[in-house]
Every structure is written in structure tokens, then in C-alpha cells.
C-alpha atoms as a PDB file:
ATOM      1  CA  MET A   1       9.777   9.179   4.071  1.00  0.00           C
ATOM      2  CA  ILE A   2       7.559   8.006   1.073  1.00  0.00           C
ATOM      3  CA  LEU A   3       4.672   5.518   0.823  1.00  0.00           C
ATOM      4  CA  GLU A   4       5.667   3.507  -2.255  1.00  0.00           C
ATOM      5  CA  LYS A   5       2.830   0.874  -2.143  1.00  0.00           C
ATOM      6  CA  CYS A   6      -0.259  -0.211  -0.244  1.00  0.00           C
ATOM      7  CA  LEU A   7      -1.538  -3.771  -0.376  1.00  0.00           C
ATOM      8  CA  PRO A   8      -4.439  -5.587   1.355  1.00  0.00           C
ATOM      9  CA  GLN A   9      -3.559  -8.193   3.731  1.00  0.00           C
ATOM     10  CA  THR A  10      -6.874  -9.137   5.389  1.00  0.00           C
ATOM     11  CA  ASP A  11     -10.305  -7.737   4.976  1.00  0.00           C
ATOM     12  CA  ASP A  12      -9.427  -4.752   7.429  1.00  0.00           C
ATOM     13  CA  THR A  13      -5.583  -4.817   7.366  1.00  0.00           C
ATOM     14  CA  TYR A  14      -3.132  -3.445   4.853  1.00  0.00           C
ATOM     15  CA  ALA A  15       0.627  -3.547   4.372  1.00  0.00           C
ATOM     16  CA  GLU A  16       2.139  -0.163   3.506  1.00  0.00           C
ATOM     17  CA  PHE A  17       5.657   0.062   2.258  1.00  0.00           C
ATOM     18  CA  PHE A  18       7.666   3.114   3.018  1.00  0.00           C
ATOM     19  CA  SER A  19      11.001   4.125   1.656  1.00  0.00           C
ATOM     20  CA  VAL A  20      13.047   6.044   4.256  1.00  0.00           C
ATOM     21  CA  GLY A  21      15.832   8.447   3.413  1.00  0.00           C
ATOM     22  CA  GLY A  22      18.374  10.238   5.619  1.00  0.00           C
ATOM     23  CA  ALA A  23      17.388   8.164   8.823  1.00  0.00           C
ATOM     24  CA  HIS A  24      17.800   4.490  10.148  1.00  0.00           C
ATOM     25  CA  PRO A  25      14.630   2.671   9.058  1.00  0.00           C
ATOM     26  CA  SER A  26      14.785   0.874  12.446  1.00  0.00           C
ATOM     27  CA  ARG A  27      13.811   4.283  14.132  1.00  0.00           C
ATOM     28  CA  LEU A  28      10.543   4.216  12.131  1.00  0.00           C
ATOM     29  CA  VAL A  29       9.759   0.774  13.189  1.00  0.00           C
ATOM     30  CA  GLU A  30      10.344   1.643  16.936  1.00  0.00           C
ATOM     31  CA  ARG A  31       8.216   4.741  16.562  1.00  0.00           C
ATOM     32  CA  ILE A  32       5.360   2.771  15.105  1.00  0.00           C
ATOM     33  CA  GLU A  33       5.410   0.069  17.441  1.00  0.00           C
ATOM     34  CA  ASP A  34       5.742   2.364  20.471  1.00  0.00           C
ATOM     35  CA  GLY A  35       3.006   4.725  19.243  1.00  0.00           C
ATOM     36  CA  ASN A  36       0.159   2.596  18.350  1.00  0.00           C
ATOM     37  CA  GLY A  37       1.057  -1.019  18.956  1.00  0.00           C
ATOM     38  CA  GLY A  38       1.184  -1.804  15.374  1.00  0.00           C
ATOM     39  CA  GLU A  39       3.565  -4.126  13.634  1.00  0.00           C
ATOM     40  CA  ALA A  40       6.467  -2.910  11.392  1.00  0.00           C
ATOM     41  CA  ARG A  41       9.563  -4.498   9.912  1.00  0.00           C
ATOM     42  CA  VAL A  42      12.605  -3.525   8.049  1.00  0.00           C
ATOM     43  CA  LEU A  43      12.795  -5.007   4.661  1.00  0.00           C
ATOM     44  CA  GLU A  44      15.914  -3.565   3.343  1.00  0.00           C
ATOM     45  CA  ARG A  45      18.702  -1.201   4.356  1.00  0.00           C
ATOM     46  CA  THR A  46      20.472   1.254   2.018  1.00  0.00           C
ATOM     47  CA  ASN A  47      23.399   3.612   2.833  1.00  0.00           C
ATOM     48  CA  ASP A  48      20.958   6.476   3.847  1.00  0.00           C
ATOM     49  CA  GLY A  49      17.792   4.656   4.749  1.00  0.00           C
ATOM     50  CA  GLY A  50      15.843   1.523   3.648  1.00  0.00           C
ATOM     51  CA  LEU A  51      12.521   0.072   2.960  1.00  0.00           C
ATOM     52  CA  VAL A  52       9.890  -0.571   5.873  1.00  0.00           C
ATOM     53  CA  GLU A  53       6.746  -2.473   5.924  1.00  0.00           C
ATOM     54  CA  ILE A  54       3.910  -1.381   8.383  1.00  0.00           C
ATOM     55  CA  ASP A  55       0.655  -3.265   9.010  1.00  0.00           C
ATOM     56  CA  VAL A  56      -2.186  -0.764   9.270  1.00  0.00           C
ATOM     57  CA  ARG A  57      -5.966  -0.900   9.777  1.00  0.00           C
ATOM     58  CA  ASP A  58      -8.738   1.332   8.639  1.00  0.00           C
ATOM     59  CA  ASN A  59      -7.879   4.231  10.869  1.00  0.00           C
ATOM     60  CA  CYS A  60      -4.955   5.125   8.404  1.00  0.00           C
ATOM     61  CA  PRO A  61      -5.409   8.419   6.490  1.00  0.00           C
ATOM     62  CA  VAL A  62      -4.632   6.593   3.194  1.00  0.00           C
ATOM     63  CA  VAL A  63      -7.183   3.815   3.849  1.00  0.00           C
ATOM     64  CA  SER A  64      -9.640   6.375   4.837  1.00  0.00           C
ATOM     65  CA  LEU A  65      -9.429   8.110   1.632  1.00  0.00           C
ATOM     66  CA  ALA A  66      -9.760   5.057  -0.380  1.00  0.00           C
ATOM     67  CA  ASP A  67     -12.757   4.004   1.693  1.00  0.00           C
ATOM     68  CA  VAL A  68     -14.663   7.075   0.523  1.00  0.00           C
ATOM     69  CA  GLY A  69     -13.858   6.707  -3.196  1.00  0.00           C
ATOM     70  CA  ALA A  70     -10.578   8.528  -3.636  1.00  0.00           C
ATOM     71  CA  VAL A  71      -7.454   6.940  -5.115  1.00  0.00           C
ATOM     72  CA  PRO A  72      -4.388   7.827  -3.123  1.00  0.00           C
ATOM     73  CA  GLN A  73      -1.374   8.652  -5.267  1.00  0.00           C
ATOM     74  CA  THR A  74       1.531   9.928  -3.100  1.00  0.00           C
ATOM     75  CA  VAL A  75       2.161  10.092   0.673  1.00  0.00           C
ATOM     76  CA  ARG A  76       5.257  11.865   2.026  1.00  0.00           C
ATOM     77  CA  SER A  77       6.447  12.753   5.545  1.00  0.00           C
ATOM     78  CA  VAL A  78       9.179  15.349   6.235  1.00  0.00           C
ATOM     79  CA  ASP A  79      10.170  16.310   9.642  1.00  0.00           C
ATOM     80  CA  GLY A  80       6.946  14.974  11.035  1.00  0.00           C
ATOM     81  CA  GLN A  81       4.683  16.784   8.578  1.00  0.00           C
ATOM     82  CA  GLY A  82       2.740  14.486   6.312  1.00  0.00           C
ATOM     83  CA  THR A  83       1.178  15.145   2.917  1.00  0.00           C
ATOM     84  CA  VAL A  84      -1.283  13.002   1.082  1.00  0.00           C
ATOM     85  CA  VAL A  85      -2.218  13.485  -2.583  1.00  0.00           C
ATOM     86  CA  ALA A  86      -5.224  11.544  -4.026  1.00  0.00           C
ATOM     87  CA  ASP A  87      -7.290  11.501  -7.085  1.00  0.00           C
ATOM     88  CA  VAL A  88     -11.124  11.543  -7.136  1.00  0.00           C
ATOM     89  CA  PRO A  89     -12.744   9.771  -9.999  1.00  0.00           C
ATOM     90  CA  ARG A  90     -15.173  11.705 -12.041  1.00  0.00           C
ATOM     91  CA  GLN A  91     -18.095   9.550 -10.854  1.00  0.00           C
ATOM     92  CA  THR A  92     -17.322  10.356  -7.309  1.00  0.00           C
ATOM     93  CA  GLU A  93     -18.251  13.691  -5.661  1.00  0.00           C
ATOM     94  CA  THR A  94     -15.143  15.506  -4.528  1.00  0.00           C
ATOM     95  CA  ALA A  95     -16.876  17.641  -1.933  1.00  0.00           C
ATOM     96  CA  ALA A  96     -18.303  14.472  -0.199  1.00  0.00           C
ATOM     97  CA  VAL A  97     -14.744  12.861  -0.195  1.00  0.00           C
ATOM     98  CA  ILE A  98     -13.289  16.014   1.438  1.00  0.00           C
ATOM     99  CA  GLU A  99     -15.996  16.305   4.007  1.00  0.00           C
ATOM    100  CA  SER A 100     -15.826  12.740   5.012  1.00  0.00           C
ATOM    101  CA  PHE A 101     -12.011  12.653   5.313  1.00  0.00           C
ATOM    102  CA  LEU A 102     -11.688  15.820   7.314  1.00  0.00           C
ATOM    103  CA  ALA A 103     -14.385  14.416   9.610  1.00  0.00           C
ATOM    104  CA  ALA A 104     -12.456  11.351  10.214  1.00  0.00           C
ATOM    105  CA  HIS A 105      -9.098  13.169  10.424  1.00  0.00           C
ATOM    106  CA  SER A 106      -9.776  16.678  12.089  1.00  0.00           C
ATOM    107  CA  GLU A 107      -6.191  17.406  12.422  1.00  0.00           C
ATOM    108  CA  ALA A 108      -5.810  17.424   8.549  1.00  0.00           C
ATOM    109  CA  GLU A 109      -6.483  20.298   6.231  1.00  0.00           C
ATOM    110  CA  LEU A 110      -7.127  20.700   2.551  1.00  0.00           C
ATOM    111  CA  ALA A 111      -4.053  22.235   0.908  1.00  0.00           C
ATOM    112  CA  ALA A 112      -5.059  22.351  -2.789  1.00  0.00           C
ATOM    113  CA  LYS A 113      -7.312  20.806  -5.519  1.00  0.00           C
ATOM    114  CA  LYS A 114      -6.483  20.435  -9.276  1.00  0.00           C
ATOM    115  CA  GLN A 115      -7.541  18.175 -12.200  1.00  0.00           C
ATOM    116  CA  ARG A 116      -5.657  15.271 -13.453  1.00  0.00           C
ATOM    117  CA  GLU A 117      -6.155  12.957 -16.583  1.00  0.00           C
ATOM    118  CA  SER A 118      -4.776   9.639 -15.319  1.00  0.00           C
ATOM    119  CA  ILE A 119      -4.960   7.432 -12.185  1.00  0.00           C
ATOM    120  CA  ALA A 120      -2.232   5.011 -10.993  1.00  0.00           C
ATOM    121  CA  PRO A 121      -3.301   4.038  -7.593  1.00  0.00           C
ATOM    122  CA  LEU A 122      -0.985   2.909  -4.642  1.00  0.00           C
ATOM    123  CA  PHE A 123      -3.629   0.363  -3.939  1.00  0.00           C
ATOM    124  CA  GLY A 124      -3.420  -2.609  -6.340  1.00  0.00           C
ATOM    125  CA  PHE A 125      -1.092  -4.990  -7.882  1.00  0.00           C
ATOM    126  CA  LYS A 126       0.919  -4.654 -11.057  1.00  0.00           C
ATOM    127  CA  ASN A 127       2.224  -7.357 -13.294  1.00  0.00           C
ATOM    128  CA  TYR A 128       5.905  -7.354 -12.498  1.00  0.00           C
ATOM    129  CA  ALA A 129       6.783 -10.554 -14.416  1.00  0.00           C
ATOM    130  CA  SER A 130      10.513  -9.909 -14.097  1.00  0.00           C
ATOM    131  CA  HIS A 131      10.297 -10.229 -10.257  1.00  0.00           C
ATOM    132  CA  THR A 132       8.354 -13.482 -10.017  1.00  0.00           C
ATOM    133  CA  GLU A 133      11.261 -15.976 -10.378  1.00  0.00           C
ATOM    134  CA  SER A 134      11.870 -16.170  -6.711  1.00  0.00           C
ATOM    135  CA  LEU A 135       8.196 -17.327  -5.980  1.00  0.00           C
ATOM    136  CA  THR A 136       7.344 -20.865  -5.320  1.00  0.00           C
ATOM    137  CA  ASP A 137       4.703 -22.545  -7.624  1.00  0.00           C
ATOM    138  CA  ARG A 138       2.200 -22.426  -4.797  1.00  0.00           C
ATOM    139  CA  GLN A 139       2.934 -18.621  -4.094  1.00  0.00           C
ATOM    140  CA  ARG A 140       2.550 -17.858  -7.797  1.00  0.00           C
ATOM    141  CA  GLU A 141      -0.681 -19.708  -7.931  1.00  0.00           C
ATOM    142  CA  VAL A 142      -2.111 -17.891  -4.834  1.00  0.00           C
ATOM    143  CA  LEU A 143      -1.109 -14.446  -6.339  1.00  0.00           C
ATOM    144  CA  VAL A 144      -2.579 -15.279  -9.679  1.00  0.00           C
ATOM    145  CA  THR A 145      -5.777 -16.383  -8.117  1.00  0.00           C
ATOM    146  CA  ALA A 146      -5.905 -13.205  -6.073  1.00  0.00           C
ATOM    147  CA  HIS A 147      -5.338 -11.023  -8.974  1.00  0.00           C
ATOM    148  CA  GLU A 148      -7.897 -12.692 -11.178  1.00  0.00           C
ATOM    149  CA  ALA A 149     -10.511 -12.752  -8.581  1.00  0.00           C
ATOM    150  CA  GLY A 150     -10.201  -9.034  -7.855  1.00  0.00           C
ATOM    151  CA  TYR A 151      -8.501  -9.137  -4.397  1.00  0.00           C
ATOM    152  CA  TYR A 152      -6.148  -6.337  -5.359  1.00  0.00           C
ATOM    153  CA  SER A 153      -8.757  -4.208  -7.041  1.00  0.00           C
ATOM    154  CA  TRP A 154     -10.170  -1.236  -5.226  1.00  0.00           C
ATOM    155  CA  PRO A 155     -12.816  -1.533  -4.134  1.00  0.00           C
ATOM    156  CA  ARG A 156     -11.984  -5.153  -3.609  1.00  0.00           C
ATOM    157  CA  GLU A 157     -14.055  -7.646  -5.562  1.00  0.00           C
ATOM    158  CA  ALA A 158     -13.161 -10.764  -3.551  1.00  0.00           C
ATOM    159  CA  THR A 159     -12.338 -11.416   0.156  1.00  0.00           C
ATOM    160  CA  ALA A 160      -9.673 -13.571   1.690  1.00  0.00           C
ATOM    161  CA  ALA A 161     -12.450 -16.064   2.455  1.00  0.00           C
ATOM    162  CA  ASP A 162     -13.446 -16.140  -1.162  1.00  0.00           C
ATOM    163  CA  LEU A 163      -9.791 -16.856  -2.202  1.00  0.00           C
ATOM    164  CA  ALA A 164      -9.326 -19.583   0.274  1.00  0.00           C
ATOM    165  CA  ALA A 165     -12.549 -21.346  -0.887  1.00  0.00           C
ATOM    166  CA  LEU A 166     -11.288 -21.099  -4.496  1.00  0.00           C
ATOM    167  CA  LEU A 167      -7.858 -22.573  -3.538  1.00  0.00           C
ATOM    168  CA  ASP A 168      -9.349 -25.105  -1.026  1.00  0.00           C
ATOM    169  CA  ILE A 169      -7.144 -23.931   1.758  1.00  0.00           C
ATOM    170  CA  SER A 170      -7.688 -22.242   5.006  1.00  0.00           C
ATOM    171  CA  GLU A 171      -7.541 -18.437   5.453  1.00  0.00           C
ATOM    172  CA  PRO A 172      -4.267 -18.564   7.537  1.00  0.00           C
ATOM    173  CA  THR A 173      -2.558 -20.674   4.931  1.00  0.00           C
ATOM    174  CA  LEU A 174      -3.778 -18.219   2.232  1.00  0.00           C
ATOM    175  CA  HIS A 175      -2.344 -15.255   4.175  1.00  0.00           C
ATOM    176  CA  LYS A 176       0.911 -17.056   4.747  1.00  0.00           C
ATOM    177  CA  HIS A 177       1.409 -17.601   1.061  1.00  0.00           C
ATOM    178  CA  LEU A 178       0.282 -14.173   0.110  1.00  0.00           C
ATOM    179  CA  ARG A 179       2.559 -12.299   2.610  1.00  0.00           C
ATOM    180  CA  ALA A 180       5.473 -14.470   1.645  1.00  0.00           C
ATOM    181  CA  ALA A 181       5.005 -13.712  -2.091  1.00  0.00           C
ATOM    182  CA  GLU A 182       4.288 -10.066  -1.661  1.00  0.00           C
ATOM    183  CA  GLN A 183       7.440  -9.499   0.422  1.00  0.00           C
ATOM    184  CA  LYS A 184       9.585 -11.101  -2.218  1.00  0.00           C
ATOM    185  CA  LEU A 185       8.006  -8.964  -4.993  1.00  0.00           C
ATOM    186  CA  VAL A 186       7.945  -5.648  -3.023  1.00  0.00           C
ATOM    187  CA  THR A 187      11.666  -6.117  -2.018  1.00  0.00           C
ATOM    188  CA  ALA A 188      12.554  -6.658  -5.614  1.00  0.00           C
ATOM    189  CA  MET A 189      10.265  -3.894  -6.867  1.00  0.00           C
ATOM    190  CA  PHE A 190      11.697  -1.256  -4.565  1.00  0.00           C
ATOM    191  CA  ALA A 191      15.368  -2.293  -4.523  1.00  0.00           C
ATOM    192  CA  CYS A 192      15.851   1.156  -6.160  1.00  0.00           C
ATOM    193  CA  PRO A 193      12.526   2.773  -5.424  1.00  0.00           C
ATOM    194  CA  HIS A 194      13.323   6.502  -6.311  1.00  0.00           C
ATOM    195  CA  GLU A 195      14.916   5.691  -9.647  1.00  0.00           C
ATOM    196  CA  GLU A 196      11.911   3.420 -10.499  1.00  0.00           C
ATOM    197  CA  LEU A 197       9.485   6.110  -9.629  1.00  0.00           C
ATOM    198  CA  ALA A 198      11.363   8.613 -11.644  1.00  0.00           C
ATOM    199  CA  ALA A 199      11.255   6.478 -14.749  1.00  0.00           C
ATOM    200  CA  ASP A 200       7.545   6.026 -14.236  1.00  0.00           C
ATOM    201  CA  GLY A 201       7.084   9.772 -14.067  1.00  0.00           C
ATOM    202  CA  ASP A 202       8.876  10.416 -17.305  1.00  0.00           C
ATOM    203  CA  SER A 203       6.865   7.854 -19.253  1.00  0.00           C
END
């Protein structure tokens, strides 16, 4: 299981998109809903797995890392053992990030540290122009406004309330348009997630 992307939904809720291999994605959905009462749904099924969306709050390890200044890069789970790799920007104190994260997640342990030159966060929103054809005009307007206002930046530069005010709509309506647009884009983006990731890694 690999975390492909993490997108903000509300001010304290995130949508995490996991590709599942070698198992039925519905099993992950059942485990999530039975374990913590969260919401999860299967977006796509493949021959050996699929794509699952999970709604998470700030108790998620990935979100906890981002909250203390780190930039999550990869999240994998094999046989129940999870591994999170994150970058720490130069202006952020690495020791403080590690201490804060381990205090919040006592079951975790630091496996290794090394230097990296570039950062390509899981948090955020890329410009996938080729995947926007299925969006309605309203969905596209809401996404563009969110992007330009910094809603998909980390740390976030605009809240859902800010976006709703800019668009002169209610917050529930805003979230409805955002969720519909994001699901369309993410499903298209990760139709072949592993091939796309491999291509990105070679660039």
C-alpha cells in the first residue's frame, strides 16, 4: 500500500489517496471504518488492487509531520509495517521535528537520516492540465481560486472560509465542488500510479 497524494479537505481534515497492490481495496476500506470510524471509499479497481481515498484528521502521522515543518515524501505499508519518508527544509530544525513527531507517535522510531537536494511534497496540487477536461466550469473556477489563494500550499495560506468568501458561496457548497473536482482529477492522475511515479523518478 502506497500513499500517492494527500489533499486538504477542510481546515482539519485531509483526503489521502492510497494505491493498493496484491489485495482487494475494499478490505482496506473495511479496516479503516472498523478501526477508527473514519470514512474511506474505493475510487478504482485494478486486476491486483486499486485506488482508495481515506478521510483523515490531524492524528495521522503524515499530517503530524507536516504540522511540525517536515515535507512528507513517501508512505508505504507492507504486511502491517508502515514507513514514512519526509524531507525537512533547511530553515527547520531537524532535531525538533523528530522530537515532536516521536512524542506524538510513541510507537514510531527513527530509521535513518540523509540529505536531499529537492523537495516534491505529497501535500499540494500540481497543474495537471490534461486531466481537467472532465471538470465543470464551476469546479474549474473553484480549483483555480483555491490554487491561486494558496489553499493547497503547505502551510496553507487560505482557509475554506476565505475561499467561500472569495467565491461568494457557502462553505458546504465550496467543499462539494472541491471534492467532486479532486476525485475526478485524482482518479485520472492515478489510473496507472506506479508507472507515473516511475517516470517522475527518472526525470
